[in-house]
Amino acid sequence: MIKITRKIPVSAMSLKTMLYILMIMGSLFFCIGMVISLIPIYKKQISTSVSTAEVVDIVRNESKDSDGRTQINYFPVFVYKANGENIQVTHRFSPSPYEIGDTFEIFYNPKKPNKYYIEGEGSGNWILVMIGSIFTFVGAIFLIVTVKFFLLPFLKAKSRESSI
């Protein structure tokens, strides 16, 4: 069996449009990835005040997934002193190594005392770094493909046209 293929001519305008789309997508993915990756670093940088936190409760959270299965998580509730007042927060990270009565050092944002950082605990930060890295990588690939296969040939063709 013979397969007949026909090449569809690609105009300069559609190449230019494709170039812009790939550049915009690559830039967006790259920037979003960098922002997501930097969130944990930023959170640590703004948490400059230190206090001692105590686990006062463990909250049971029950939820159902899309298949109707029940998922149970246990979240510790911390109390710490910030700016002269007691702050109580539920730490949304499960499973948690904490038990009622545990005390530990906590860093908090003096402007927003309910925003905190626990030294040495990932608290899901690795997920943000991983997702951010994937976005950054995909964005970089888009930008490299754009430059290598579209921008450079397009610029070379333009320079040949202008020299004629």
Protein backbone atom coordinates (compact mmCIF):
# COMPACT_ATOMS: atom_id res chain seq x y z
CA MET A 1 0.00 0.00 0.00
CA ILE A 2 1.34 3.41 -0.96
CA LYS A 3 0.84 6.25 1.42
CA ILE A 4 0.59 9.70 -0.12
CA THR A 5 1.52 12.57 2.10
CA ARG A 6 1.23 16.18 1.22
CA LYS A 7 3.36 18.85 2.78
CA ILE A 8 1.43 21.83 3.96
CA PRO A 9 3.33 25.05 3.32
CA VAL A 10 4.02 27.04 6.44
CA SER A 11 3.91 30.75 5.93
CA ALA A 12 6.22 33.19 7.68
CA MET A 13 3.24 34.56 9.57
CA SER A 14 2.31 31.18 11.04
CA LEU A 15 5.96 30.58 12.02
CA LYS A 16 6.03 33.97 13.68
CA THR A 17 2.79 33.18 15.51
CA MET A 18 4.15 29.80 16.60
CA LEU A 19 7.33 31.51 17.77
CA TYR A 20 5.38 33.95 19.93
CA ILE A 21 3.15 31.21 21.38
CA LEU A 22 6.13 29.03 22.29
CA MET A 23 8.01 31.97 23.77
CA ILE A 24 5.02 33.03 25.86
CA MET A 25 4.31 29.46 27.03
CA GLY A 26 7.98 28.84 27.81
CA SER A 27 8.31 32.11 29.70
CA LEU A 28 5.11 31.48 31.68
CA PHE A 29 6.08 27.94 32.63
CA PHE A 30 9.61 29.05 33.55
CA CYS A 31 8.44 31.99 35.68
CA ILE A 32 5.65 30.03 37.41
CA GLY A 33 8.13 27.24 38.16
CA MET A 34 10.63 29.65 39.68
CA VAL A 35 7.97 31.31 41.86
CA ILE A 36 6.64 27.95 43.10
CA SER A 37 10.18 26.75 43.86
CA LEU A 38 11.03 29.92 45.77
CA ILE A 39 7.95 29.91 48.06
CA PRO A 40 9.62 27.74 50.76
CA ILE A 41 12.75 29.92 50.71
CA TYR A 42 10.66 33.09 50.98
CA LYS A 43 8.61 31.60 53.82
CA LYS A 44 11.81 30.85 55.72
CA GLN A 45 13.25 34.32 55.05
CA ILE A 46 10.25 36.23 56.42
CA SER A 47 9.89 34.02 59.51
CA THR A 48 12.45 35.92 61.58
CA SER A 49 11.01 35.83 65.11
CA VAL A 50 11.40 32.73 67.25
CA SER A 51 9.16 31.20 69.90
CA THR A 52 8.54 27.88 71.63
CA ALA A 53 5.47 26.06 70.41
CA GLU A 54 3.56 23.37 72.29
CA VAL A 55 1.23 20.76 70.78
CA VAL A 56 -2.08 21.15 72.64
CA ASP A 57 -4.33 18.93 70.52
CA ILE A 58 -4.45 16.52 67.62
CA VAL A 59 -7.34 17.20 65.23
CA ARG A 60 -8.93 14.34 63.30
CA ASN A 61 -9.89 15.29 59.76
CA GLU A 62 -12.06 12.97 57.70
CA SER A 63 -12.56 13.49 53.98
CA LYS A 64 -13.81 11.51 51.00
CA ASP A 65 -12.01 11.26 47.69
CA SER A 66 -13.72 11.22 44.27
CA ASP A 67 -14.23 7.44 44.52
CA GLY A 68 -16.07 7.80 47.84
CA ARG A 69 -13.24 6.33 49.94
CA THR A 70 -12.73 7.88 53.35
CA GLN A 71 -9.35 9.32 54.19
CA ILE A 72 -8.46 10.17 57.78
CA ASN A 73 -5.66 12.59 58.70
CA TYR A 74 -4.47 13.76 62.09
CA PHE A 75 -3.18 17.33 62.35
CA PRO A 76 -1.43 18.74 65.42
CA VAL A 77 -2.61 22.03 66.91
CA PHE A 78 0.22 24.30 68.12
CA VAL A 79 0.15 27.19 70.54
CA TYR A 80 3.00 29.71 70.70
CA LYS A 81 3.53 33.25 71.91
CA ALA A 82 4.00 35.90 69.22
CA ASN A 83 4.08 39.65 69.75
CA GLY A 84 2.79 39.16 73.30
CA GLU A 85 -0.28 37.10 72.40
CA ASN A 86 -0.98 33.37 72.16
CA ILE A 87 -1.32 32.11 68.59
CA GLN A 88 -3.02 28.79 67.89
CA VAL A 89 -2.61 27.13 64.51
CA THR A 90 -3.49 23.76 63.05
CA HIS A 91 -0.47 22.33 61.26
CA ARG A 92 -1.82 20.91 57.97
CA PHE A 93 0.82 18.24 57.50
CA SER A 94 0.06 14.56 57.99
CA PRO A 95 1.44 12.24 59.16
CA SER A 96 2.93 14.40 61.86
CA PRO A 97 5.71 13.37 64.23
CA TYR A 98 4.18 15.46 67.03
CA GLU A 99 2.20 14.29 70.04
CA ILE A 100 0.23 16.28 72.62
CA GLY A 101 2.66 17.96 75.03
CA ASP A 102 5.61 18.12 72.60
CA THR A 103 7.47 21.43 72.53
CA PHE A 104 9.76 22.72 69.80
CA GLU A 105 11.23 25.90 68.35
CA ILE A 106 9.10 27.70 65.79
CA PHE A 107 9.92 30.71 63.61
CA TYR A 108 7.12 33.08 62.71
CA ASN A 109 6.53 36.19 60.63
CA PRO A 110 6.33 39.14 63.08
CA LYS A 111 3.93 40.98 60.73
CA LYS A 112 1.65 37.94 60.34
CA PRO A 113 2.24 35.83 63.45
CA ASN A 114 0.03 32.96 62.26
CA LYS A 115 2.50 32.35 59.38
CA TYR A 116 5.29 30.13 60.65
CA TYR A 117 8.22 27.94 59.70
CA ILE A 118 9.55 24.89 61.55
CA GLU A 119 13.28 24.38 61.09
CA GLY A 120 14.21 20.92 59.83
CA GLU A 121 10.68 19.97 58.83
CA GLY A 122 9.80 19.76 55.16
CA SER A 123 6.05 20.27 55.72
CA GLY A 124 5.46 19.48 52.08
CA ASN A 125 8.04 21.99 50.85
CA TRP A 126 9.67 19.29 48.73
CA ILE A 127 6.39 19.01 46.79
CA LEU A 128 6.53 22.73 45.95
CA VAL A 129 10.17 22.46 44.93
CA MET A 130 9.44 19.38 42.77
CA ILE A 131 6.42 20.96 41.05
CA GLY A 132 8.34 24.20 40.57
CA SER A 133 11.30 22.32 39.10
CA ILE A 134 9.05 20.48 36.64
CA PHE A 135 7.44 23.75 35.51
CA THR A 136 10.86 25.41 35.21
CA PHE A 137 12.23 22.46 33.21
CA VAL A 138 9.25 22.42 30.82
CA GLY A 139 9.53 26.19 30.38
CA ALA A 140 13.25 25.91 29.66
CA ILE A 141 12.59 23.19 27.06
CA PHE A 142 9.97 25.40 25.37
CA LEU A 143 12.41 28.31 25.30
CA ILE A 144 15.30 26.18 23.99
CA VAL A 145 13.11 24.68 21.25
CA THR A 146 11.86 28.14 20.36
CA VAL A 147 15.35 29.56 20.03
CA LYS A 148 16.94 26.56 18.29
CA PHE A 149 14.25 25.58 15.81
CA PHE A 150 12.30 28.78 15.23
CA LEU A 151 14.04 31.95 16.29
CA LEU A 152 17.54 31.25 14.88
CA PRO A 153 16.30 29.98 11.47
CA PHE A 154 13.81 32.85 11.31
CA LEU A 155 16.55 35.41 12.02
CA LYS A 156 18.89 33.76 9.50
CA ALA A 157 16.18 33.89 6.83
CA LYS A 158 15.50 37.54 7.62
CA SER A 159 19.21 38.42 7.37
CA ARG A 160 19.46 36.63 4.01
CA GLU A 161 16.42 38.57 2.74
CA SER A 162 17.90 41.88 3.84
CA SER A 163 21.30 41.16 2.23
CA ILE A 164 19.74 40.43 -1.18
